[in-house]
Amino acid sequence: MQIQIELFGLAKMIAQTGLVTLEVEDGATYKAIVERLAEQYPDFVGPLISPDTLTLLNCTVFVRNQKDMITQEQVHESPAPGDRLSLLTVIVGG
């Protein structure tokens, strides 16, 4: 199955593109998608993806279909066919 991920912020700068297509197994979970991103874009590991657990760092999130943020509790769920994912880096502070 192919998953398209729109990249923003730091992810877009590192990948030097705004859209990536990943080949993943049917029914792949969000965690498996993160692991695939780490394989395809090893420079994501550290600033966006945890090197030890291959999960998104707290400042980085998936948004599904431009409206639903995927939480840590949902990482073992799978996107539906046709879902569009965005990868965002959230900057907080004052």
PDB file of N, CA and C in Angstrom:
ATOM      1  N   MET A   1       0.851  -1.165   0.000  1.00  0.00           N
ATOM      2  CA  MET A   1       0.000   0.000   0.000  1.00  0.00           C
ATOM      3  C   MET A   1       0.902   1.236   0.000  1.00  0.00           C
ATOM      4  N   GLN A   2       0.467   2.266  -0.674  1.00  0.00           N
ATOM      5  CA  GLN A   2       1.215   3.523  -0.695  1.00  0.00           C
ATOM      6  C   GLN A   2       0.545   4.538   0.222  1.00  0.00           C
ATOM      7  N   ILE A   3       1.374   5.233   0.971  1.00  0.00           N
ATOM      8  CA  ILE A   3       0.919   6.302   1.857  1.00  0.00           C
ATOM      9  C   ILE A   3       1.608   7.585   1.409  1.00  0.00           C
ATOM     10  N   GLN A   4       0.835   8.628   1.191  1.00  0.00           N
ATOM     11  CA  GLN A   4       1.417   9.939   0.891  1.00  0.00           C
ATOM     12  C   GLN A   4       1.422  10.765   2.164  1.00  0.00           C
ATOM     13  N   ILE A   5       2.550  11.412   2.408  1.00  0.00           N
ATOM     14  CA  ILE A   5       2.707  12.248   3.592  1.00  0.00           C
ATOM     15  C   ILE A   5       3.186  13.616   3.150  1.00  0.00           C
ATOM     16  N   GLU A   6       2.423  14.626   3.507  1.00  0.00           N
ATOM     17  CA  GLU A   6       2.819  15.996   3.227  1.00  0.00           C
ATOM     18  C   GLU A   6       3.708  16.472   4.380  1.00  0.00           C
ATOM     19  N   LEU A   7       4.853  17.017   4.053  1.00  0.00           N
ATOM     20  CA  LEU A   7       5.824  17.442   5.057  1.00  0.00           C
ATOM     21  C   LEU A   7       5.784  18.952   5.235  1.00  0.00           C
ATOM     22  N   PHE A   8       5.937  19.372   6.482  1.00  0.00           N
ATOM     23  CA  PHE A   8       5.983  20.790   6.816  1.00  0.00           C
ATOM     24  C   PHE A   8       7.159  21.056   7.735  1.00  0.00           C
ATOM     25  N   GLY A   9       7.576  22.304   7.802  1.00  0.00           N
ATOM     26  CA  GLY A   9       8.592  22.733   8.760  1.00  0.00           C
ATOM     27  C   GLY A   9       9.899  21.993   8.617  1.00  0.00           C
ATOM     28  N   LEU A  10      10.398  21.512   9.758  1.00  0.00           N
ATOM     29  CA  LEU A  10      11.701  20.854   9.806  1.00  0.00           C
ATOM     30  C   LEU A  10      11.740  19.606   8.924  1.00  0.00           C
ATOM     31  N   ALA A  11      10.664  18.834   8.903  1.00  0.00           N
ATOM     32  CA  ALA A  11      10.635  17.631   8.057  1.00  0.00           C
ATOM     33  C   ALA A  11      10.822  17.997   6.590  1.00  0.00           C
ATOM     34  N   LYS A  12      10.159  19.046   6.160  1.00  0.00           N
ATOM     35  CA  LYS A  12      10.271  19.493   4.769  1.00  0.00           C
ATOM     36  C   LYS A  12      11.687  19.982   4.467  1.00  0.00           C
ATOM     37  N   MET A  13      12.283  20.690   5.422  1.00  0.00           N
ATOM     38  CA  MET A  13      13.657  21.174   5.221  1.00  0.00           C
ATOM     39  C   MET A  13      14.635  20.009   5.119  1.00  0.00           C
ATOM     40  N   ILE A  14      14.495  19.021   5.993  1.00  0.00           N
ATOM     41  CA  ILE A  14      15.420  17.888   5.990  1.00  0.00           C
ATOM     42  C   ILE A  14      15.261  17.057   4.715  1.00  0.00           C
ATOM     43  N   ALA A  15      14.016  16.747   4.345  1.00  0.00           N
ATOM     44  CA  ALA A  15      13.770  15.897   3.171  1.00  0.00           C
ATOM     45  C   ALA A  15      13.945  16.648   1.858  1.00  0.00           C
ATOM     46  N   GLN A  16      13.921  17.967   1.925  1.00  0.00           N
ATOM     47  CA  GLN A  16      14.029  18.830   0.753  1.00  0.00           C
ATOM     48  C   GLN A  16      12.905  18.569  -0.253  1.00  0.00           C
ATOM     49  N   THR A  17      11.743  18.238   0.298  1.00  0.00           N
ATOM     50  CA  THR A  17      10.539  18.050  -0.508  1.00  0.00           C
ATOM     51  C   THR A  17       9.337  18.224   0.400  1.00  0.00           C
ATOM     52  N   GLY A  18       8.206  18.559  -0.179  1.00  0.00           N
ATOM     53  CA  GLY A  18       6.997  18.755   0.603  1.00  0.00           C
ATOM     54  C   GLY A  18       6.055  17.573   0.591  1.00  0.00           C
ATOM     55  N   LEU A  19       6.375  16.549  -0.200  1.00  0.00           N
ATOM     56  CA  LEU A  19       5.483  15.398  -0.299  1.00  0.00           C
ATOM     57  C   LEU A  19       6.306  14.143  -0.526  1.00  0.00           C
ATOM     58  N   VAL A  20       6.053  13.126   0.296  1.00  0.00           N
ATOM     59  CA  VAL A  20       6.737  11.839   0.117  1.00  0.00           C
ATOM     60  C   VAL A  20       5.692  10.738  -0.016  1.00  0.00           C
ATOM     61  N   THR A  21       6.049   9.720  -0.737  1.00  0.00           N
ATOM     62  CA  THR A  21       5.212   8.536  -0.872  1.00  0.00           C
ATOM     63  C   THR A  21       6.000   7.362  -0.321  1.00  0.00           C
ATOM     64  N   LEU A  22       5.377   6.656   0.623  1.00  0.00           N
ATOM     65  CA  LEU A  22       6.015   5.497   1.235  1.00  0.00           C
ATOM     66  C   LEU A  22       5.279   4.240   0.818  1.00  0.00           C
ATOM     67  N   GLU A  23       6.022   3.193   0.604  1.00  0.00           N
ATOM     68  CA  GLU A  23       5.451   1.875   0.347  1.00  0.00           C
ATOM     69  C   GLU A  23       5.463   1.134   1.680  1.00  0.00           C
ATOM     70  N   VAL A  24       4.273   0.782   2.177  1.00  0.00           N
ATOM     71  CA  VAL A  24       4.144   0.062   3.452  1.00  0.00           C
ATOM     72  C   VAL A  24       3.201  -1.113   3.253  1.00  0.00           C
ATOM     73  N   GLU A  25       3.226  -2.042   4.200  1.00  0.00           N
ATOM     74  CA  GLU A  25       2.328  -3.194   4.134  1.00  0.00           C
ATOM     75  C   GLU A  25       0.890  -2.745   4.331  1.00  0.00           C
ATOM     76  N   ASP A  26      -0.048  -3.462   3.730  1.00  0.00           N
ATOM     77  CA  ASP A  26      -1.466  -3.183   3.958  1.00  0.00           C
ATOM     78  C   ASP A  26      -1.739  -3.252   5.456  1.00  0.00           C
ATOM     79  N   GLY A  27      -2.489  -2.295   5.972  1.00  0.00           N
ATOM     80  CA  GLY A  27      -2.819  -2.270   7.393  1.00  0.00           C
ATOM     81  C   GLY A  27      -1.698  -1.773   8.279  1.00  0.00           C
ATOM     82  N   ALA A  28      -0.668  -1.169   7.697  1.00  0.00           N
ATOM     83  CA  ALA A  28       0.457  -0.672   8.491  1.00  0.00           C
ATOM     84  C   ALA A  28      -0.034   0.336   9.529  1.00  0.00           C
ATOM     85  N   THR A  29       0.523   0.241  10.726  1.00  0.00           N
ATOM     86  CA  THR A  29       0.168   1.166  11.792  1.00  0.00           C
ATOM     87  C   THR A  29       0.942   2.473  11.618  1.00  0.00           C
ATOM     88  N   TYR A  30       0.528   3.486  12.373  1.00  0.00           N
ATOM     89  CA  TYR A  30       1.268   4.745  12.346  1.00  0.00           C
ATOM     90  C   TYR A  30       2.697   4.532  12.825  1.00  0.00           C
ATOM     91  N   LYS A  31       2.907   3.655  13.795  1.00  0.00           N
ATOM     92  CA  LYS A  31       4.266   3.354  14.260  1.00  0.00           C
ATOM     93  C   LYS A  31       5.093   2.759  13.130  1.00  0.00           C
ATOM     94  N   ALA A  32       4.511   1.829  12.368  1.00  0.00           N
ATOM     95  CA  ALA A  32       5.229   1.233  11.237  1.00  0.00           C
ATOM     96  C   ALA A  32       5.551   2.289  10.179  1.00  0.00           C
ATOM     97  N   ILE A  33       4.661   3.250  10.006  1.00  0.00           N
ATOM     98  CA  ILE A  33       4.909   4.326   9.050  1.00  0.00           C
ATOM     99  C   ILE A  33       6.074   5.187   9.515  1.00  0.00           C
ATOM    100  N   VAL A  34       6.146   5.452  10.824  1.00  0.00           N
ATOM    101  CA  VAL A  34       7.277   6.219  11.370  1.00  0.00           C
ATOM    102  C   VAL A  34       8.573   5.442  11.156  1.00  0.00           C
ATOM    103  N   GLU A  35       8.548   4.149  11.402  1.00  0.00           N
ATOM    104  CA  GLU A  35       9.743   3.334  11.191  1.00  0.00           C
ATOM    105  C   GLU A  35      10.180   3.359   9.725  1.00  0.00           C
ATOM    106  N   ARG A  36       9.221   3.334   8.820  1.00  0.00           N
ATOM    107  CA  ARG A  36       9.534   3.413   7.383  1.00  0.00           C
ATOM    108  C   ARG A  36      10.110   4.772   7.024  1.00  0.00           C
ATOM    109  N   LEU A  37       9.551   5.834   7.633  1.00  0.00           N
ATOM    110  CA  LEU A  37      10.115   7.176   7.425  1.00  0.00           C
ATOM    111  C   LEU A  37      11.567   7.224   7.880  1.00  0.00           C
ATOM    112  N   ALA A  38      11.857   6.600   9.023  1.00  0.00           N
ATOM    113  CA  ALA A  38      13.229   6.580   9.542  1.00  0.00           C
ATOM    114  C   ALA A  38      14.177   5.858   8.589  1.00  0.00           C
ATOM    115  N   GLU A  39      13.680   4.803   7.937  1.00  0.00           N
ATOM    116  CA  GLU A  39      14.500   4.087   6.953  1.00  0.00           C
ATOM    117  C   GLU A  39      14.769   4.950   5.725  1.00  0.00           C
ATOM    118  N   GLN A  40      13.705   5.574   5.221  1.00  0.00           N
ATOM    119  CA  GLN A  40      13.832   6.342   3.984  1.00  0.00           C
ATOM    120  C   GLN A  40      14.526   7.683   4.204  1.00  0.00           C
ATOM    121  N   TYR A  41      14.344   8.271   5.398  1.00  0.00           N
ATOM    122  CA  TYR A  41      14.936   9.572   5.710  1.00  0.00           C
ATOM    123  C   TYR A  41      15.677   9.477   7.044  1.00  0.00           C
ATOM    124  N   PRO A  42      16.865   8.875   7.040  1.00  0.00           N
ATOM    125  CA  PRO A  42      17.593   8.681   8.303  1.00  0.00           C
ATOM    126  C   PRO A  42      17.912   9.986   9.030  1.00  0.00           C
ATOM    127  N   ASP A  43      17.934  11.118   8.324  1.00  0.00           N
ATOM    128  CA  ASP A  43      18.190  12.392   8.988  1.00  0.00           C
ATOM    129  C   ASP A  43      17.009  12.856   9.837  1.00  0.00           C
ATOM    130  N   PHE A  44      15.854  12.198   9.715  1.00  0.00           N
ATOM    131  CA  PHE A  44      14.713  12.479  10.598  1.00  0.00           C
ATOM    132  C   PHE A  44      14.981  11.959  12.013  1.00  0.00           C
ATOM    133  N   VAL A  45      15.826  10.904  12.105  1.00  0.00           N
ATOM    134  CA  VAL A  45      16.116  10.305  13.407  1.00  0.00           C
ATOM    135  C   VAL A  45      16.989  11.273  14.198  1.00  0.00           C
ATOM    136  N   GLY A  46      16.515  11.635  15.359  1.00  0.00           N
ATOM    137  CA  GLY A  46      17.178  12.642  16.202  1.00  0.00           C
ATOM    138  C   GLY A  46      16.294  13.855  16.344  1.00  0.00           C
ATOM    139  N   PRO A  47      16.163  14.665  15.287  1.00  0.00           N
ATOM    140  CA  PRO A  47      15.348  15.868  15.429  1.00  0.00           C
ATOM    141  C   PRO A  47      13.834  15.620  15.402  1.00  0.00           C
ATOM    142  N   LEU A  48      13.368  14.554  14.728  1.00  0.00           N
ATOM    143  CA  LEU A  48      11.923  14.307  14.593  1.00  0.00           C
ATOM    144  C   LEU A  48      11.491  12.952  15.139  1.00  0.00           C
ATOM    145  N   ILE A  49      12.373  11.984  15.036  1.00  0.00           N
ATOM    146  CA  ILE A  49      12.071  10.607  15.430  1.00  0.00           C
ATOM    147  C   ILE A  49      13.065  10.168  16.499  1.00  0.00           C
ATOM    148  N   SER A  50      12.540   9.561  17.559  1.00  0.00           N
ATOM    149  CA  SER A  50      13.385   9.088  18.652  1.00  0.00           C
ATOM    150  C   SER A  50      14.328   7.991  18.159  1.00  0.00           C
ATOM    151  N   PRO A  51      15.642   8.138  18.425  1.00  0.00           N
ATOM    152  CA  PRO A  51      16.587   7.137  17.939  1.00  0.00           C
ATOM    153  C   PRO A  51      16.416   5.769  18.604  1.00  0.00           C
ATOM    154  N   ASP A  52      15.951   5.729  19.842  1.00  0.00           N
ATOM    155  CA  ASP A  52      15.869   4.450  20.546  1.00  0.00           C
ATOM    156  C   ASP A  52      14.553   3.719  20.344  1.00  0.00           C
ATOM    157  N   THR A  53      13.447   4.438  20.144  1.00  0.00           N
ATOM    158  CA  THR A  53      12.146   3.772  20.015  1.00  0.00           C
ATOM    159  C   THR A  53      11.539   3.886  18.620  1.00  0.00           C
ATOM    160  N   LEU A  54      12.144   4.688  17.757  1.00  0.00           N
ATOM    161  CA  LEU A  54      11.612   4.942  16.415  1.00  0.00           C
ATOM    162  C   LEU A  54      10.143   5.361  16.467  1.00  0.00           C
ATOM    163  N   THR A  55       9.861   6.290  17.373  1.00  0.00           N
ATOM    164  CA  THR A  55       8.552   6.925  17.454  1.00  0.00           C
ATOM    165  C   THR A  55       8.751   8.421  17.268  1.00  0.00           C
ATOM    166  N   LEU A  56       7.682   9.116  16.918  1.00  0.00           N
ATOM    167  CA  LEU A  56       7.783  10.565  16.764  1.00  0.00           C
ATOM    168  C   LEU A  56       8.076  11.209  18.106  1.00  0.00           C
ATOM    169  N   LEU A  57       8.940  12.193  18.090  1.00  0.00           N
ATOM    170  CA  LEU A  57       9.202  12.956  19.305  1.00  0.00           C
ATOM    171  C   LEU A  57       7.976  13.802  19.629  1.00  0.00           C
ATOM    172  N   ASN A  58       7.864  14.253  20.872  1.00  0.00           N
ATOM    173  CA  ASN A  58       6.687  14.996  21.325  1.00  0.00           C
ATOM    174  C   ASN A  58       6.392  16.239  20.501  1.00  0.00           C
ATOM    175  N   CYS A  59       7.392  16.809  19.848  1.00  0.00           N
ATOM    176  CA  CYS A  59       7.190  18.036  19.076  1.00  0.00           C
ATOM    177  C   CYS A  59       6.727  17.756  17.644  1.00  0.00           C
ATOM    178  N   THR A  60       6.604  16.485  17.277  1.00  0.00           N
ATOM    179  CA  THR A  60       6.259  16.116  15.904  1.00  0.00           C
ATOM    180  C   THR A  60       4.984  15.277  15.909  1.00  0.00           C
ATOM    181  N   VAL A  61       4.053  15.607  15.009  1.00  0.00           N
ATOM    182  CA  VAL A  61       2.772  14.894  14.986  1.00  0.00           C
ATOM    183  C   VAL A  61       2.324  14.604  13.557  1.00  0.00           C
ATOM    184  N   PHE A  62       1.549  13.545  13.427  1.00  0.00           N
ATOM    185  CA  PHE A  62       0.810  13.290  12.197  1.00  0.00           C
ATOM    186  C   PHE A  62      -0.555  13.955  12.322  1.00  0.00           C
ATOM    187  N   VAL A  63      -1.025  14.528  11.224  1.00  0.00           N
ATOM    188  CA  VAL A  63      -2.405  15.009  11.120  1.00  0.00           C
ATOM    189  C   VAL A  63      -3.025  14.260   9.954  1.00  0.00           C
ATOM    190  N   ARG A  64      -4.193  13.668  10.216  1.00  0.00           N
ATOM    191  CA  ARG A  64      -4.882  12.870   9.208  1.00  0.00           C
ATOM    192  C   ARG A  64      -5.977  13.707   8.547  1.00  0.00           C
ATOM    193  N   ASN A  65      -5.925  13.771   7.222  1.00  0.00           N
ATOM    194  CA  ASN A  65      -6.943  14.464   6.426  1.00  0.00           C
ATOM    195  C   ASN A  65      -7.144  15.918   6.852  1.00  0.00           C
ATOM    196  N   GLN A  66      -6.077  16.549   7.249  1.00  0.00           N
ATOM    197  CA  GLN A  66      -6.037  17.974   7.614  1.00  0.00           C
ATOM    198  C   GLN A  66      -6.944  18.338   8.774  1.00  0.00           C
ATOM    199  N   LYS A  67      -7.347  17.348   9.612  1.00  0.00           N
ATOM    200  CA  LYS A  67      -8.210  17.707  10.728  1.00  0.00           C
ATOM    201  C   LYS A  67      -7.985  16.913  11.999  1.00  0.00           C
ATOM    202  N   ASP A  68      -7.486  15.691  11.938  1.00  0.00           N
ATOM    203  CA  ASP A  68      -7.349  14.853  13.127  1.00  0.00           C
ATOM    204  C   ASP A  68      -5.888  14.624  13.465  1.00  0.00           C
ATOM    205  N   MET A  69      -5.461  15.114  14.638  1.00  0.00           N
ATOM    206  CA  MET A  69      -4.098  14.859  15.098  1.00  0.00           C
ATOM    207  C   MET A  69      -4.038  13.443  15.663  1.00  0.00           C
ATOM    208  N   ILE A  70      -3.021  12.700  15.268  1.00  0.00           N
ATOM    209  CA  ILE A  70      -2.836  11.339  15.763  1.00  0.00           C
ATOM    210  C   ILE A  70      -2.059  11.415  17.072  1.00  0.00           C
ATOM    211  N   THR A  71      -2.661  10.915  18.138  1.00  0.00           N
ATOM    212  CA  THR A  71      -2.036  10.975  19.461  1.00  0.00           C
ATOM    213  C   THR A  71      -1.155   9.746  19.698  1.00  0.00           C
ATOM    214  N   GLN A  72      -0.366   9.785  20.753  1.00  0.00           N
ATOM    215  CA  GLN A  72       0.488   8.643  21.112  1.00  0.00           C
ATOM    216  C   GLN A  72      -0.350   7.393  21.362  1.00  0.00           C
ATOM    217  N   GLU A  73      -1.576   7.584  21.846  1.00  0.00           N
ATOM    218  CA  GLU A  73      -2.448   6.443  22.107  1.00  0.00           C
ATOM    219  C   GLU A  73      -2.932   5.794  20.806  1.00  0.00           C
ATOM    220  N   GLN A  74      -2.810   6.466  19.682  1.00  0.00           N
ATOM    221  CA  GLN A  74      -3.305   5.956  18.402  1.00  0.00           C
ATOM    222  C   GLN A  74      -2.215   5.375  17.507  1.00  0.00           C
ATOM    223  N   VAL A  75      -0.978   5.293  17.988  1.00  0.00           N
ATOM    224  CA  VAL A  75       0.126   4.862  17.120  1.00  0.00           C
ATOM    225  C   VAL A  75      -0.006   3.422  16.647  1.00  0.00           C
ATOM    226  N   HIS A  76      -0.825   2.621  17.322  1.00  0.00           N
ATOM    227  CA  HIS A  76      -0.996   1.232  16.902  1.00  0.00           C
ATOM    228  C   HIS A  76      -2.221   1.051  16.018  1.00  0.00           C
ATOM    229  N   GLU A  77      -2.867   2.170  15.668  1.00  0.00           N
ATOM    230  CA  GLU A  77      -3.972   2.145  14.710  1.00  0.00           C
ATOM    231  C   GLU A  77      -3.408   2.330  13.308  1.00  0.00           C
ATOM    232  N   SER A  78      -4.249   2.147  12.317  1.00  0.00           N
ATOM    233  CA  SER A  78      -3.829   2.267  10.921  1.00  0.00           C
ATOM    234  C   SER A  78      -4.660   3.321  10.204  1.00  0.00           C
ATOM    235  N   PRO A  79      -4.043   4.054   9.285  1.00  0.00           N
ATOM    236  CA  PRO A  79      -4.844   4.961   8.459  1.00  0.00           C
ATOM    237  C   PRO A  79      -5.727   4.155   7.511  1.00  0.00           C
ATOM    238  N   ALA A  80      -6.842   4.733   7.149  1.00  0.00           N
ATOM    239  CA  ALA A  80      -7.738   4.098   6.180  1.00  0.00           C
ATOM    240  C   ALA A  80      -7.195   4.343   4.774  1.00  0.00           C
ATOM    241  N   PRO A  81      -7.508   3.459   3.838  1.00  0.00           N
ATOM    242  CA  PRO A  81      -7.088   3.706   2.456  1.00  0.00           C
ATOM    243  C   PRO A  81      -7.573   5.077   1.991  1.00  0.00           C
ATOM    244  N   GLY A  82      -6.685   5.818   1.373  1.00  0.00           N
ATOM    245  CA  GLY A  82      -7.034   7.143   0.878  1.00  0.00           C
ATOM    246  C   GLY A  82      -6.803   8.274   1.867  1.00  0.00           C
ATOM    247  N   ASP A  83      -6.519   7.938   3.136  1.00  0.00           N
ATOM    248  CA  ASP A  83      -6.212   8.996   4.103  1.00  0.00           C
ATOM    249  C   ASP A  83      -4.956   9.735   3.669  1.00  0.00           C
ATOM    250  N   ARG A  84      -4.961  11.019   3.894  1.00  0.00           N
ATOM    251  CA  ARG A  84      -3.789  11.851   3.589  1.00  0.00           C
ATOM    252  C   ARG A  84      -3.168  12.263   4.919  1.00  0.00           C
ATOM    253  N   LEU A  85      -1.892  12.010   5.071  1.00  0.00           N
ATOM    254  CA  LEU A  85      -1.190  12.364   6.302  1.00  0.00           C
ATOM    255  C   LEU A  85      -0.317  13.580   6.086  1.00  0.00           C
ATOM    256  N   SER A  86      -0.232  14.385   7.133  1.00  0.00           N
ATOM    257  CA  SER A  86       0.698  15.504   7.173  1.00  0.00           C
ATOM    258  C   SER A  86       1.608  15.285   8.362  1.00  0.00           C
ATOM    259  N   LEU A  87       2.872  15.642   8.231  1.00  0.00           N
ATOM    260  CA  LEU A  87       3.831  15.549   9.326  1.00  0.00           C
ATOM    261  C   LEU A  87       4.234  16.966   9.692  1.00  0.00           C
ATOM    262  N   LEU A  88       3.922  17.332  10.937  1.00  0.00           N
ATOM    263  CA  LEU A  88       4.148  18.709  11.391  1.00  0.00           C
ATOM    264  C   LEU A  88       5.076  18.716  12.596  1.00  0.00           C
ATOM    265  N   THR A  89       5.877  19.734  12.690  1.00  0.00           N
ATOM    266  CA  THR A  89       6.673  19.987  13.882  1.00  0.00           C
ATOM    267  C   THR A  89       6.005  21.144  14.614  1.00  0.00           C
ATOM    268  N   VAL A  90       5.643  20.882  15.868  1.00  0.00           N
ATOM    269  CA  VAL A  90       4.960  21.881  16.684  1.00  0.00           C
ATOM    270  C   VAL A  90       6.007  22.597  17.524  1.00  0.00           C
ATOM    271  N   ILE A  91       6.002  23.909  17.442  1.00  0.00           N
ATOM    272  CA  ILE A  91       6.940  24.720  18.235  1.00  0.00           C
ATOM    273  C   ILE A  91       6.141  25.421  19.303  1.00  0.00           C
ATOM    274  N   VAL A  92       6.564  25.241  20.553  1.00  0.00           N
ATOM    275  CA  VAL A  92       5.881  25.874  21.684  1.00  0.00           C
ATOM    276  C   VAL A  92       6.886  26.685  22.475  1.00  0.00           C
ATOM    277  N   GLY A  93       6.362  27.546  23.283  1.00  0.00           N
ATOM    278  CA  GLY A  93       7.228  28.355  24.135  1.00  0.00           C
ATOM    279  C   GLY A  93       6.781  29.793  24.084  1.00  0.00           C
ATOM    280  N   GLY A  94       7.538  30.612  24.728  1.00  0.00           N
ATOM    281  CA  GLY A  94       7.119  31.999  24.763  1.00  0.00           C
ATOM    282  C   GLY A  94       8.273  32.939  24.729  1.00  0.00           C
TER     283      GLY A  94
END
